[in-house]
PDB file of N, CA and C in Angstrom:
ATOM      1  N   MET A   1      60.337  39.361-220.146  1.00  0.00           N
ATOM      2  CA  MET A   1      60.306  40.066-218.878  1.00  0.00           C
ATOM      3  C   MET A   1      58.885  40.526-218.572  1.00  0.00           C
ATOM      4  N   SER A   2      58.491  40.376-217.318  1.00  0.00           N
ATOM      5  CA  SER A   2      57.150  40.740-216.893  1.00  0.00           C
ATOM      6  C   SER A   2      56.980  42.251-216.851  1.00  0.00           C
ATOM      7  N   THR A   3      55.768  42.691-217.075  1.00  0.00           N
ATOM      8  CA  THR A   3      55.464  44.105-216.886  1.00  0.00           C
ATOM      9  C   THR A   3      54.449  44.278-215.758  1.00  0.00           C
ATOM     10  N   TRP A   4      54.287  43.246-214.918  1.00  0.00           N
ATOM     11  CA  TRP A   4      53.461  43.412-213.732  1.00  0.00           C
ATOM     12  C   TRP A   4      54.199  44.332-212.771  1.00  0.00           C
ATOM     13  N   THR A   5      53.473  45.112-212.030  1.00  0.00           N
ATOM     14  CA  THR A   5      54.103  45.963-211.029  1.00  0.00           C
ATOM     15  C   THR A   5      54.462  45.124-209.807  1.00  0.00           C
ATOM     16  N   PRO A   6      55.399  45.605-208.998  1.00  0.00           N
ATOM     17  CA  PRO A   6      55.712  44.888-207.756  1.00  0.00           C
ATOM     18  C   PRO A   6      54.478  44.722-206.855  1.00  0.00           C
ATOM     19  N   GLU A   7      53.606  45.724-206.825  1.00  0.00           N
ATOM     20  CA  GLU A   7      52.390  45.641-206.018  1.00  0.00           C
ATOM     21  C   GLU A   7      51.465  44.545-206.528  1.00  0.00           C
ATOM     22  N   GLN A   8      51.305  44.460-207.862  1.00  0.00           N
ATOM     23  CA  GLN A   8      50.473  43.405-208.431  1.00  0.00           C
ATOM     24  C   GLN A   8      51.051  42.029-208.094  1.00  0.00           C
ATOM     25  N   LEU A   9      52.347  41.869-208.261  1.00  0.00           N
ATOM     26  CA  LEU A   9      52.978  40.577-207.986  1.00  0.00           C
ATOM     27  C   LEU A   9      52.804  40.173-206.525  1.00  0.00           C
ATOM     28  N   ARG A  10      52.924  41.106-205.604  1.00  0.00           N
ATOM     29  CA  ARG A  10      52.697  40.796-204.189  1.00  0.00           C
ATOM     30  C   ARG A  10      51.258  40.347-203.968  1.00  0.00           C
ATOM     31  N   SER A  11      50.331  41.035-204.606  1.00  0.00           N
ATOM     32  CA  SER A  11      48.923  40.679-204.491  1.00  0.00           C
ATOM     33  C   SER A  11      48.661  39.298-205.091  1.00  0.00           C
ATOM     34  N   PHE A  12      49.235  39.028-206.255  1.00  0.00           N
ATOM     35  CA  PHE A  12      49.058  37.728-206.912  1.00  0.00           C
ATOM     36  C   PHE A  12      49.650  36.596-206.069  1.00  0.00           C
ATOM     37  N   ALA A  13      50.795  36.847-205.469  1.00  0.00           N
ATOM     38  CA  ALA A  13      51.481  35.808-204.700  1.00  0.00           C
ATOM     39  C   ALA A  13      50.635  35.326-203.529  1.00  0.00           C
ATOM     40  N   SER A  14      49.871  36.216-202.929  1.00  0.00           N
ATOM     41  CA  SER A  14      49.054  35.823-201.780  1.00  0.00           C
ATOM     42  C   SER A  14      47.628  35.432-202.173  1.00  0.00           C
ATOM     43  N   ALA A  15      47.212  35.718-203.383  1.00  0.00           N
ATOM     44  CA  ALA A  15      45.842  35.435-203.814  1.00  0.00           C
ATOM     45  C   ALA A  15      45.647  33.946-204.088  1.00  0.00           C
ATOM     46  N   ASP A  16      44.463  33.475-203.779  1.00  0.00           N
ATOM     47  CA  ASP A  16      44.122  32.083-204.055  1.00  0.00           C
ATOM     48  C   ASP A  16      42.801  32.029-204.823  1.00  0.00           C
ATOM     49  N   ASP A  17      42.670  32.933-205.788  1.00  0.00           N
ATOM     50  CA  ASP A  17      41.380  33.034-206.470  1.00  0.00           C
ATOM     51  C   ASP A  17      41.491  33.257-207.974  1.00  0.00           C
ATOM     52  N   LEU A  18      42.548  32.773-208.625  1.00  0.00           N
ATOM     53  CA  LEU A  18      42.710  33.038-210.052  1.00  0.00           C
ATOM     54  C   LEU A  18      41.693  32.251-210.870  1.00  0.00           C
ATOM     55  N   HIS A  19      40.998  32.971-211.739  1.00  0.00           N
ATOM     56  CA  HIS A  19      40.098  32.364-212.723  1.00  0.00           C
ATOM     57  C   HIS A  19      40.656  32.717-214.098  1.00  0.00           C
ATOM     58  N   ILE A  20      40.789  31.704-214.926  1.00  0.00           N
ATOM     59  CA  ILE A  20      41.396  31.884-216.240  1.00  0.00           C
ATOM     60  C   ILE A  20      40.342  31.679-217.322  1.00  0.00           C
ATOM     61  N   ALA A  21      40.359  32.546-218.330  1.00  0.00           N
ATOM     62  CA  ALA A  21      39.397  32.460-219.432  1.00  0.00           C
ATOM     63  C   ALA A  21      40.106  32.789-220.744  1.00  0.00           C
ATOM     64  N   PRO A  22      40.802  31.810-221.327  1.00  0.00           N
ATOM     65  CA  PRO A  22      41.409  32.051-222.638  1.00  0.00           C
ATOM     66  C   PRO A  22      40.320  32.312-223.674  1.00  0.00           C
ATOM     67  N   PHE A  23      40.705  32.970-224.752  1.00  0.00           N
ATOM     68  CA  PHE A  23      39.749  33.181-225.838  1.00  0.00           C
ATOM     69  C   PHE A  23      39.314  31.845-226.431  1.00  0.00           C
ATOM     70  N   ARG A  24      38.102  31.827-226.949  1.00  0.00           N
ATOM     71  CA  ARG A  24      37.611  30.674-227.718  1.00  0.00           C
ATOM     72  C   ARG A  24      38.237  30.742-229.111  1.00  0.00           C
ATOM     73  N   GLU A  25      37.913  29.793-229.964  1.00  0.00           N
ATOM     74  CA  GLU A  25      38.508  29.711-231.296  1.00  0.00           C
ATOM     75  C   GLU A  25      38.294  30.961-232.132  1.00  0.00           C
ATOM     76  N   ASN A  26      37.210  31.705-231.891  1.00  0.00           N
ATOM     77  CA  ASN A  26      36.954  32.910-232.687  1.00  0.00           C
ATOM     78  C   ASN A  26      37.890  34.062-232.323  1.00  0.00           C
ATOM     79  N   GLY A  27      38.639  33.920-231.232  1.00  0.00           N
ATOM     80  CA  GLY A  27      39.605  34.935-230.852  1.00  0.00           C
ATOM     81  C   GLY A  27      39.031  36.193-230.237  1.00  0.00           C
ATOM     82  N   THR A  28      37.718  36.230-230.021  1.00  0.00           N
ATOM     83  CA  THR A  28      37.104  37.420-229.429  1.00  0.00           C
ATOM     84  C   THR A  28      36.217  37.112-228.235  1.00  0.00           C
ATOM     85  N   THR A  29      35.725  35.893-228.132  1.00  0.00           N
ATOM     86  CA  THR A  29      34.850  35.496-227.032  1.00  0.00           C
ATOM     87  C   THR A  29      35.669  34.770-225.975  1.00  0.00           C
ATOM     88  N   TYR A  30      35.528  35.198-224.724  1.00  0.00           N
ATOM     89  CA  TYR A  30      36.247  34.528-223.638  1.00  0.00           C
ATOM     90  C   TYR A  30      35.589  33.194-223.311  1.00  0.00           C
ATOM     91  N   GLY A  31      36.412  32.221-222.963  1.00  0.00           N
ATOM     92  CA  GLY A  31      35.899  30.939-222.510  1.00  0.00           C
ATOM     93  C   GLY A  31      35.331  31.062-221.107  1.00  0.00           C
ATOM     94  N   THR A  32      34.758  29.981-220.640  1.00  0.00           N
ATOM     95  CA  THR A  32      34.207  29.954-219.289  1.00  0.00           C
ATOM     96  C   THR A  32      35.343  30.073-218.276  1.00  0.00           C
ATOM     97  N   PRO A  33      35.259  31.011-217.347  1.00  0.00           N
ATOM     98  CA  PRO A  33      36.321  31.151-216.345  1.00  0.00           C
ATOM     99  C   PRO A  33      36.480  29.856-215.535  1.00  0.00           C
ATOM    100  N   THR A  34      37.723  29.443-215.389  1.00  0.00           N
ATOM    101  CA  THR A  34      38.053  28.221-214.657  1.00  0.00           C
ATOM    102  C   THR A  34      38.977  28.579-213.507  1.00  0.00           C
ATOM    103  N   PHE A  35      38.634  28.108-212.307  1.00  0.00           N
ATOM    104  CA  PHE A  35      39.472  28.352-211.138  1.00  0.00           C
ATOM    105  C   PHE A  35      40.700  27.451-211.212  1.00  0.00           C
ATOM    106  N   ILE A  36      41.876  28.048-211.059  1.00  0.00           N
ATOM    107  CA  ILE A  36      43.126  27.286-211.052  1.00  0.00           C
ATOM    108  C   ILE A  36      44.089  27.885-210.038  1.00  0.00           C
ATOM    109  N   TRP A  37      45.100  27.108-209.705  1.00  0.00           N
ATOM    110  CA  TRP A  37      46.168  27.609-208.840  1.00  0.00           C
ATOM    111  C   TRP A  37      47.099  28.489-209.651  1.00  0.00           C
ATOM    112  N   SER A  38      47.704  29.452-208.970  1.00  0.00           N
ATOM    113  CA  SER A  38      48.696  30.315-209.601  1.00  0.00           C
ATOM    114  C   SER A  38      49.808  30.598-208.609  1.00  0.00           C
ATOM    115  N   VAL A  39      50.982  30.896-209.143  1.00  0.00           N
ATOM    116  CA  VAL A  39      52.121  31.250-208.297  1.00  0.00           C
ATOM    117  C   VAL A  39      52.909  32.372-208.959  1.00  0.00           C
ATOM    118  N   VAL A  40      53.680  33.043-208.139  1.00  0.00           N
ATOM    119  CA  VAL A  40      54.616  34.053-208.624  1.00  0.00           C
ATOM    120  C   VAL A  40      56.022  33.505-208.401  1.00  0.00           C
ATOM    121  N   ALA A  41      56.811  33.517-209.457  1.00  0.00           N
ATOM    122  CA  ALA A  41      58.211  33.083-209.390  1.00  0.00           C
ATOM    123  C   ALA A  41      58.990  33.888-210.417  1.00  0.00           C
ATOM    124  N   HIS A  42      60.238  34.184-210.115  1.00  0.00           N
ATOM    125  CA  HIS A  42      61.103  34.904-211.057  1.00  0.00           C
ATOM    126  C   HIS A  42      60.488  36.234-211.500  1.00  0.00           C
ATOM    127  N   GLY A  43      59.645  36.840-210.666  1.00  0.00           N
ATOM    128  CA  GLY A  43      59.022  38.111-211.015  1.00  0.00           C
ATOM    129  C   GLY A  43      57.929  38.008-212.053  1.00  0.00           C
ATOM    130  N   ASP A  44      57.345  36.815-212.197  1.00  0.00           N
ATOM    131  CA  ASP A  44      56.265  36.595-213.162  1.00  0.00           C
ATOM    132  C   ASP A  44      55.157  35.757-212.534  1.00  0.00           C
ATOM    133  N   LEU A  45      53.992  35.772-213.172  1.00  0.00           N
ATOM    134  CA  LEU A  45      52.838  34.978-212.765  1.00  0.00           C
ATOM    135  C   LEU A  45      52.809  33.710-213.612  1.00  0.00           C
ATOM    136  N   TYR A  46      52.628  32.548-212.961  1.00  0.00           N
ATOM    137  CA  TYR A  46      52.606  31.261-213.655  1.00  0.00           C
ATOM    138  C   TYR A  46      51.376  30.458-213.271  1.00  0.00           C
ATOM    139  N   VAL A  47      50.922  29.632-214.211  1.00  0.00           N
ATOM    140  CA  VAL A  47      49.807  28.714-213.980  1.00  0.00           C
ATOM    141  C   VAL A  47      50.136  27.367-214.622  1.00  0.00           C
ATOM    142  N   ARG A  48      49.448  26.334-214.129  1.00  0.00           N
ATOM    143  CA  ARG A  48      49.579  24.981-214.679  1.00  0.00           C
ATOM    144  C   ARG A  48      48.220  24.303-214.633  1.00  0.00           C
ATOM    145  N   PRO A  49      47.936  23.462-215.602  1.00  0.00           N
ATOM    146  CA  PRO A  49      46.696  22.687-215.545  1.00  0.00           C
ATOM    147  C   PRO A  49      46.905  21.394-214.763  1.00  0.00           C
ATOM    148  N   TYR A  50      46.037  21.130-213.828  1.00  0.00           N
ATOM    149  CA  TYR A  50      46.099  19.899-213.037  1.00  0.00           C
ATOM    150  C   TYR A  50      46.079  18.668-213.942  1.00  0.00           C
ATOM    151  N   ASN A  51      45.289  18.730-215.001  1.00  0.00           N
ATOM    152  CA  ASN A  51      45.156  17.591-215.921  1.00  0.00           C
ATOM    153  C   ASN A  51      46.159  17.632-217.075  1.00  0.00           C
ATOM    154  N   GLY A  52      47.157  18.464-216.990  1.00  0.00           N
ATOM    155  CA  GLY A  52      48.185  18.512-218.025  1.00  0.00           C
ATOM    156  C   GLY A  52      47.618  18.916-219.380  1.00  0.00           C
ATOM    157  N   ARG A  53      48.160  18.355-220.419  1.00  0.00           N
ATOM    158  CA  ARG A  53      47.795  18.725-221.794  1.00  0.00           C
ATOM    159  C   ARG A  53      46.331  18.477-222.144  1.00  0.00           C
ATOM    160  N   ARG A  54      45.652  17.630-221.405  1.00  0.00           N
ATOM    161  CA  ARG A  54      44.243  17.337-221.685  1.00  0.00           C
ATOM    162  C   ARG A  54      43.306  18.459-221.267  1.00  0.00           C
ATOM    163  N   SER A  55      43.784  19.362-220.447  1.00  0.00           N
ATOM    164  CA  SER A  55      42.942  20.432-219.929  1.00  0.00           C
ATOM    165  C   SER A  55      42.444  21.341-221.063  1.00  0.00           C
ATOM    166  N   ARG A  56      41.150  21.575-221.075  1.00  0.00           N
ATOM    167  CA  ARG A  56      40.570  22.427-222.130  1.00  0.00           C
ATOM    168  C   ARG A  56      41.083  23.853-222.062  1.00  0.00           C
ATOM    169  N   TRP A  57      41.135  24.420-220.853  1.00  0.00           N
ATOM    170  CA  TRP A  57      41.595  25.807-220.765  1.00  0.00           C
ATOM    171  C   TRP A  57      43.038  25.905-221.225  1.00  0.00           C
ATOM    172  N   TYR A  58      43.854  24.898-220.916  1.00  0.00           N
ATOM    173  CA  TYR A  58      45.252  24.917-221.347  1.00  0.00           C
ATOM    174  C   TYR A  58      45.342  24.864-222.869  1.00  0.00           C
ATOM    175  N   GLN A  59      44.583  23.996-223.490  1.00  0.00           N
ATOM    176  CA  GLN A  59      44.592  23.896-224.948  1.00  0.00           C
ATOM    177  C   GLN A  59      44.187  25.219-225.584  1.00  0.00           C
ATOM    178  N   ALA A  60      43.169  25.860-225.024  1.00  0.00           N
ATOM    179  CA  ALA A  60      42.725  27.161-225.555  1.00  0.00           C
ATOM    180  C   ALA A  60      43.787  28.233-225.327  1.00  0.00           C
ATOM    181  N   ALA A  61      44.373  28.253-224.148  1.00  0.00           N
ATOM    182  CA  ALA A  61      45.403  29.260-223.858  1.00  0.00           C
ATOM    183  C   ALA A  61      46.591  29.098-224.787  1.00  0.00           C
ATOM    184  N   LEU A  62      46.982  27.870-225.039  1.00  0.00           N
ATOM    185  CA  LEU A  62      48.121  27.612-225.910  1.00  0.00           C
ATOM    186  C   LEU A  62      47.804  27.980-227.361  1.00  0.00           C
ATOM    187  N   SER A  63      46.623  27.604-227.836  1.00  0.00           N
ATOM    188  CA  SER A  63      46.296  27.876-229.240  1.00  0.00           C
ATOM    189  C   SER A  63      45.952  29.342-229.487  1.00  0.00           C
ATOM    190  N   GLN A  64      45.270  29.994-228.545  1.00  0.00           N
ATOM    191  CA  GLN A  64      44.865  31.387-228.739  1.00  0.00           C
ATOM    192  C   GLN A  64      45.932  32.379-228.269  1.00  0.00           C
ATOM    193  N   GLY A  65      46.692  31.996-227.258  1.00  0.00           N
ATOM    194  CA  GLY A  65      47.777  32.845-226.782  1.00  0.00           C
ATOM    195  C   GLY A  65      47.365  34.011-225.909  1.00  0.00           C
ATOM    196  N   SER A  66      46.065  34.217-225.726  1.00  0.00           N
ATOM    197  CA  SER A  66      45.631  35.334-224.888  1.00  0.00           C
ATOM    198  C   SER A  66      44.233  35.098-224.358  1.00  0.00           C
ATOM    199  N   GLY A  67      43.824  35.963-223.458  1.00  0.00           N
ATOM    200  CA  GLY A  67      42.514  35.854-222.829  1.00  0.00           C
ATOM    201  C   GLY A  67      42.443  36.792-221.651  1.00  0.00           C
ATOM    202  N   ARG A  68      41.807  36.306-220.592  1.00  0.00           N
ATOM    203  CA  ARG A  68      41.602  37.134-219.400  1.00  0.00           C
ATOM    204  C   ARG A  68      41.817  36.277-218.161  1.00  0.00           C
ATOM    205  N   VAL A  69      42.374  36.905-217.125  1.00  0.00           N
ATOM    206  CA  VAL A  69      42.391  36.283-215.808  1.00  0.00           C
ATOM    207  C   VAL A  69      41.777  37.248-214.821  1.00  0.00           C
ATOM    208  N   SER A  70      41.158  36.683-213.805  1.00  0.00           N
ATOM    209  CA  SER A  70      40.652  37.458-212.684  1.00  0.00           C
ATOM    210  C   SER A  70      41.405  36.962-211.468  1.00  0.00           C
ATOM    211  N   ILE A  71      42.049  37.886-210.770  1.00  0.00           N
ATOM    212  CA  ILE A  71      42.823  37.524-209.590  1.00  0.00           C
ATOM    213  C   ILE A  71      42.855  38.707-208.637  1.00  0.00           C
ATOM    214  N   ALA A  72      42.746  38.405-207.369  1.00  0.00           N
ATOM    215  CA  ALA A  72      42.786  39.432-206.330  1.00  0.00           C
ATOM    216  C   ALA A  72      41.772  40.550-206.583  1.00  0.00           C
ATOM    217  N   GLY A  73      40.599  40.158-207.091  1.00  0.00           N
ATOM    218  CA  GLY A  73      39.522  41.114-207.286  1.00  0.00           C
ATOM    219  C   GLY A  73      39.598  41.976-208.525  1.00  0.00           C
ATOM    220  N   THR A  74      40.518  41.673-209.436  1.00  0.00           N
ATOM    221  CA  THR A  74      40.673  42.495-210.639  1.00  0.00           C
ATOM    222  C   THR A  74      40.778  41.605-211.870  1.00  0.00           C
ATOM    223  N   ASP A  75      40.190  42.079-212.975  1.00  0.00           N
ATOM    224  CA  ASP A  75      40.310  41.401-214.273  1.00  0.00           C
ATOM    225  C   ASP A  75      41.489  41.978-215.040  1.00  0.00           C
ATOM    226  N   TYR A  76      42.237  41.094-215.724  1.00  0.00           N
ATOM    227  CA  TYR A  76      43.376  41.517-216.534  1.00  0.00           C
ATOM    228  C   TYR A  76      43.308  40.843-217.895  1.00  0.00           C
ATOM    229  N   GLU A  77      43.554  41.615-218.940  1.00  0.00           N
ATOM    230  CA  GLU A  77      43.721  41.066-220.273  1.00  0.00           C
ATOM    231  C   GLU A  77      45.167  40.576-220.351  1.00  0.00           C
ATOM    232  N   VAL A  78      45.358  39.324-220.760  1.00  0.00           N
ATOM    233  CA  VAL A  78      46.684  38.718-220.648  1.00  0.00           C
ATOM    234  C   VAL A  78      47.074  37.917-221.885  1.00  0.00           C
ATOM    235  N   ASP A  79      48.368  37.640-221.943  1.00  0.00           N
ATOM    236  CA  ASP A  79      48.941  36.713-222.920  1.00  0.00           C
ATOM    237  C   ASP A  79      49.446  35.503-222.158  1.00  0.00           C
ATOM    238  N   PHE A  80      49.420  34.343-222.814  1.00  0.00           N
ATOM    239  CA  PHE A  80      49.909  33.096-222.246  1.00  0.00           C
ATOM    240  C   PHE A  80      51.094  32.619-223.072  1.00  0.00           C
ATOM    241  N   VAL A  81      52.210  32.348-222.402  1.00  0.00           N
ATOM    242  CA  VAL A  81      53.430  31.927-223.084  1.00  0.00           C
ATOM    243  C   VAL A  81      53.973  30.696-222.355  1.00  0.00           C
ATOM    244  N   PRO A  82      54.321  29.632-223.086  1.00  0.00           N
ATOM    245  CA  PRO A  82      54.923  28.492-222.399  1.00  0.00           C
ATOM    246  C   PRO A  82      56.164  28.927-221.615  1.00  0.00           C
ATOM    247  N   ALA A  83      56.266  28.435-220.406  1.00  0.00           N
ATOM    248  CA  ALA A  83      57.425  28.765-219.568  1.00  0.00           C
ATOM    249  C   ALA A  83      58.637  27.998-220.064  1.00  0.00           C
ATOM    250  N   GLY A  84      59.766  28.610-220.025  1.00  0.00           N
ATOM    251  CA  GLY A  84      61.004  27.925-220.381  1.00  0.00           C
ATOM    252  C   GLY A  84      61.386  26.933-219.298  1.00  0.00           C
ATOM    253  N   THR A  85      62.139  25.917-219.663  1.00  0.00           N
ATOM    254  CA  THR A  85      62.520  24.890-218.693  1.00  0.00           C
ATOM    255  C   THR A  85      63.356  25.456-217.552  1.00  0.00           C
ATOM    256  N   ALA A  86      64.097  26.514-217.790  1.00  0.00           N
ATOM    257  CA  ALA A  86      64.910  27.115-216.730  1.00  0.00           C
ATOM    258  C   ALA A  86      64.038  27.669-215.599  1.00  0.00           C
ATOM    259  N   ALA A  87      62.813  28.060-215.912  1.00  0.00           N
ATOM    260  CA  ALA A  87      61.916  28.632-214.902  1.00  0.00           C
ATOM    261  C   ALA A  87      61.267  27.567-214.022  1.00  0.00           C
ATOM    262  N   LEU A  88      61.207  26.334-214.485  1.00  0.00           N
ATOM    263  CA  LEU A  88      60.410  25.309-213.810  1.00  0.00           C
ATOM    264  C   LEU A  88      60.826  25.009-212.364  1.00  0.00           C
ATOM    265  N   PRO A  89      62.112  24.898-212.028  1.00  0.00           N
ATOM    266  CA  PRO A  89      62.446  24.642-210.618  1.00  0.00           C
ATOM    267  C   PRO A  89      61.944  25.741-209.680  1.00  0.00           C
ATOM    268  N   GLY A  90      62.045  26.989-210.079  1.00  0.00           N
ATOM    269  CA  GLY A  90      61.548  28.084-209.256  1.00  0.00           C
ATOM    270  C   GLY A  90      60.029  28.078-209.143  1.00  0.00           C
ATOM    271  N   VAL A  91      59.358  27.709-210.229  1.00  0.00           N
ATOM    272  CA  VAL A  91      57.900  27.611-210.209  1.00  0.00           C
ATOM    273  C   VAL A  91      57.485  26.457-209.290  1.00  0.00           C
ATOM    274  N   ASP A  92      58.186  25.324-209.386  1.00  0.00           N
ATOM    275  CA  ASP A  92      57.903  24.203-208.478  1.00  0.00           C
ATOM    276  C   ASP A  92      58.040  24.644-207.023  1.00  0.00           C
ATOM    277  N   ASP A  93      59.112  25.350-206.714  1.00  0.00           N
ATOM    278  CA  ASP A  93      59.336  25.832-205.351  1.00  0.00           C
ATOM    279  C   ASP A  93      58.207  26.758-204.900  1.00  0.00           C
ATOM    280  N   ALA A  94      57.741  27.609-205.803  1.00  0.00           N
ATOM    281  CA  ALA A  94      56.642  28.518-205.467  1.00  0.00           C
ATOM    282  C   ALA A  94      55.357  27.731-205.188  1.00  0.00           C
ATOM    283  N   TYR A  95      55.101  26.680-205.970  1.00  0.00           N
ATOM    284  CA  TYR A  95      53.941  25.817-205.695  1.00  0.00           C
ATOM    285  C   TYR A  95      54.086  25.140-204.336  1.00  0.00           C
ATOM    286  N   ARG A  96      55.272  24.643-204.030  1.00  0.00           N
ATOM    287  CA  ARG A  96      55.501  23.996-202.724  1.00  0.00           C
ATOM    288  C   ARG A  96      55.264  24.982-201.572  1.00  0.00           C
ATOM    289  N   GLN A  97      55.756  26.185-201.737  1.00  0.00           N
ATOM    290  CA  GLN A  97      55.617  27.185-200.675  1.00  0.00           C
ATOM    291  C   GLN A  97      54.160  27.599-200.493  1.00  0.00           C
ATOM    292  N   LYS A  98      53.452  27.835-201.582  1.00  0.00           N
ATOM    293  CA  LYS A  98      52.085  28.349-201.496  1.00  0.00           C
ATOM    294  C   LYS A  98      51.064  27.265-201.161  1.00  0.00           C
ATOM    295  N   TYR A  99      51.253  26.055-201.707  1.00  0.00           N
ATOM    296  CA  TYR A  99      50.244  25.005-201.578  1.00  0.00           C
ATOM    297  C   TYR A  99      50.765  23.753-200.871  1.00  0.00           C
ATOM    298  N   GLY A 100      51.830  23.905-200.090  1.00  0.00           N
ATOM    299  CA  GLY A 100      52.515  22.777-199.478  1.00  0.00           C
ATOM    300  C   GLY A 100      51.663  21.869-198.616  1.00  0.00           C
ATOM    301  N   THR A 101      50.579  22.362-198.044  1.00  0.00           N
ATOM    302  CA  THR A 101      49.736  21.522-197.189  1.00  0.00           C
ATOM    303  C   THR A 101      48.616  20.824-197.956  1.00  0.00           C
ATOM    304  N   SER A 102      48.499  21.085-199.239  1.00  0.00           N
ATOM    305  CA  SER A 102      47.416  20.507-200.027  1.00  0.00           C
ATOM    306  C   SER A 102      47.753  19.097-200.524  1.00  0.00           C
ATOM    307  N   PRO A 103      46.780  18.195-200.499  1.00  0.00           N
ATOM    308  CA  PRO A 103      47.008  16.866-201.068  1.00  0.00           C
ATOM    309  C   PRO A 103      47.136  16.895-202.592  1.00  0.00           C
ATOM    310  N   TYR A 104      46.816  18.028-203.206  1.00  0.00           N
ATOM    311  CA  TYR A 104      46.901  18.162-204.666  1.00  0.00           C
ATOM    312  C   TYR A 104      48.256  18.677-205.135  1.00  0.00           C
ATOM    313  N   LEU A 105      49.147  18.977-204.200  1.00  0.00           N
ATOM    314  CA  LEU A 105      50.458  19.506-204.588  1.00  0.00           C
ATOM    315  C   LEU A 105      51.258  18.514-205.419  1.00  0.00           C
ATOM    316  N   ALA A 106      51.354  17.270-204.990  1.00  0.00           N
ATOM    317  CA  ALA A 106      52.185  16.289-205.714  1.00  0.00           C
ATOM    318  C   ALA A 106      51.810  16.183-207.189  1.00  0.00           C
ATOM    319  N   PRO A 107      50.527  16.084-207.536  1.00  0.00           N
ATOM    320  CA  PRO A 107      50.192  16.046-208.963  1.00  0.00           C
ATOM    321  C   PRO A 107      50.566  17.329-209.707  1.00  0.00           C
ATOM    322  N   MET A 108      50.519  18.482-209.018  1.00  0.00           N
ATOM    323  CA  MET A 108      50.811  19.755-209.684  1.00  0.00           C
ATOM    324  C   MET A 108      52.294  19.930-210.008  1.00  0.00           C
ATOM    325  N   ILE A 109      53.162  19.210-209.304  1.00  0.00           N
ATOM    326  CA  ILE A 109      54.585  19.314-209.612  1.00  0.00           C
ATOM    327  C   ILE A 109      55.101  18.064-210.322  1.00  0.00           C
ATOM    328  N   ALA A 110      54.162  17.191-210.717  1.00  0.00           N
ATOM    329  CA  ALA A 110      54.502  15.986-211.482  1.00  0.00           C
ATOM    330  C   ALA A 110      54.822  16.376-212.929  1.00  0.00           C
ATOM    331  N   PRO A 111      55.487  15.492-213.679  1.00  0.00           N
ATOM    332  CA  PRO A 111      55.923  15.826-215.045  1.00  0.00           C
ATOM    333  C   PRO A 111      54.832  16.340-215.982  1.00  0.00           C
ATOM    334  N   GLY A 112      53.616  15.771-215.954  1.00  0.00           N
ATOM    335  CA  GLY A 112      52.556  16.209-216.879  1.00  0.00           C
ATOM    336  C   GLY A 112      52.191  17.672-216.714  1.00  0.00           C
ATOM    337  N   PRO A 113      51.667  18.056-215.548  1.00  0.00           N
ATOM    338  CA  PRO A 113      51.357  19.470-215.339  1.00  0.00           C
ATOM    339  C   PRO A 113      52.589  20.365-215.430  1.00  0.00           C
ATOM    340  N   ARG A 114      53.700  19.890-214.906  1.00  0.00           N
ATOM    341  CA  ARG A 114      54.937  20.697-214.918  1.00  0.00           C
ATOM    342  C   ARG A 114      55.310  21.090-216.350  1.00  0.00           C
ATOM    343  N   SER A 115      55.165  20.145-217.276  1.00  0.00           N
ATOM    344  CA  SER A 115      55.558  20.400-218.672  1.00  0.00           C
ATOM    345  C   SER A 115      54.616  21.364-219.382  1.00  0.00           C
ATOM    346  N   THR A 116      53.496  21.694-218.762  1.00  0.00           N
ATOM    347  CA  THR A 116      52.518  22.594-219.378  1.00  0.00           C
ATOM    348  C   THR A 116      52.460  23.958-218.697  1.00  0.00           C
ATOM    349  N   THR A 117      53.474  24.298-217.941  1.00  0.00           N
ATOM    350  CA  THR A 117      53.507  25.574-217.212  1.00  0.00           C
ATOM    351  C   THR A 117      53.456  26.745-218.193  1.00  0.00           C
ATOM    352  N   LEU A 118      52.579  27.687-217.899  1.00  0.00           N
ATOM    353  CA  LEU A 118      52.448  28.899-218.714  1.00  0.00           C
ATOM    354  C   LEU A 118      52.799  30.130-217.893  1.00  0.00           C
ATOM    355  N   ARG A 119      53.497  31.040-218.518  1.00  0.00           N
ATOM    356  CA  ARG A 119      53.753  32.360-217.933  1.00  0.00           C
ATOM    357  C   ARG A 119      52.615  33.262-218.392  1.00  0.00           C
ATOM    358  N   VAL A 120      52.064  34.028-217.465  1.00  0.00           N
ATOM    359  CA  VAL A 120      50.939  34.927-217.750  1.00  0.00           C
ATOM    360  C   VAL A 120      51.449  36.356-217.658  1.00  0.00           C
ATOM    361  N   THR A 121      51.303  37.095-218.749  1.00  0.00           N
ATOM    362  CA  THR A 121      51.780  38.478-218.778  1.00  0.00           C
ATOM    363  C   THR A 121      50.648  39.413-219.223  1.00  0.00           C
ATOM    364  N   PRO A 122      50.738  40.689-218.852  1.00  0.00           N
ATOM    365  CA  PRO A 122      49.737  41.634-219.368  1.00  0.00           C
ATOM    366  C   PRO A 122      49.735  41.583-220.896  1.00  0.00           C
ATOM    367  N   ARG A 123      48.564  41.697-221.484  1.00  0.00           N
ATOM    368  CA  ARG A 123      48.437  41.591-222.946  1.00  0.00           C
ATOM    369  C   ARG A 123      49.308  42.610-223.635  1.00  0.00           C
ATOM    370  N   SER A 124      50.017  42.144-224.635  1.00  0.00           N
ATOM    371  CA  SER A 124      50.887  43.036-225.418  1.00  0.00           C
ATOM    372  C   SER A 124      50.053  43.939-226.305  1.00  0.00           C
ATOM    373  N   ALA A 125      50.589  45.074-226.643  1.00  0.00           N
ATOM    374  CA  ALA A 125      49.884  46.070-227.451  1.00  0.00           C
ATOM    375  C   ALA A 125      49.582  45.582-228.852  1.00  0.00           C
ATOM    376  N   ASP A 126      50.332  44.598-229.357  1.00  0.00           N
ATOM    377  CA  ASP A 126      50.126  44.160-230.749  1.00  0.00           C
ATOM    378  C   ASP A 126      49.076  43.069-230.882  1.00  0.00           C
ATOM    379  N   ARG A 127      48.354  42.736-229.831  1.00  0.00           N
ATOM    380  CA  ARG A 127      47.299  41.704-229.915  1.00  0.00           C
ATOM    381  C   ARG A 127      45.942  42.356-229.995  1.00  0.00           C
TER     382      ARG A 127
END
């Protein structure tokens, strides 16, 4: 369950400026911020890599499990968790609604990127 506030989720849903920076292998240094698309679905923030599993930021997010995102003018320390398959149809719908006029939408809802969907949550206290 997300611990984002309703106000944050509303802000995230309309924002088109998410930069993601998972930790590097040392677990303390942030990677280079990368601009990516983000959506809000099921009361959570989700991201996907356009290049699927080959994406460097995705590999780092998956292996390190945490990092930082900047969205709507604010930096957040976050955890990255693979999205469950039950969430994917709602996430696809959110991508269609937010980015429906973009020529890049079809690749973002294709099987490769879809299978790499991550849920982004505020960093847990035990990290």
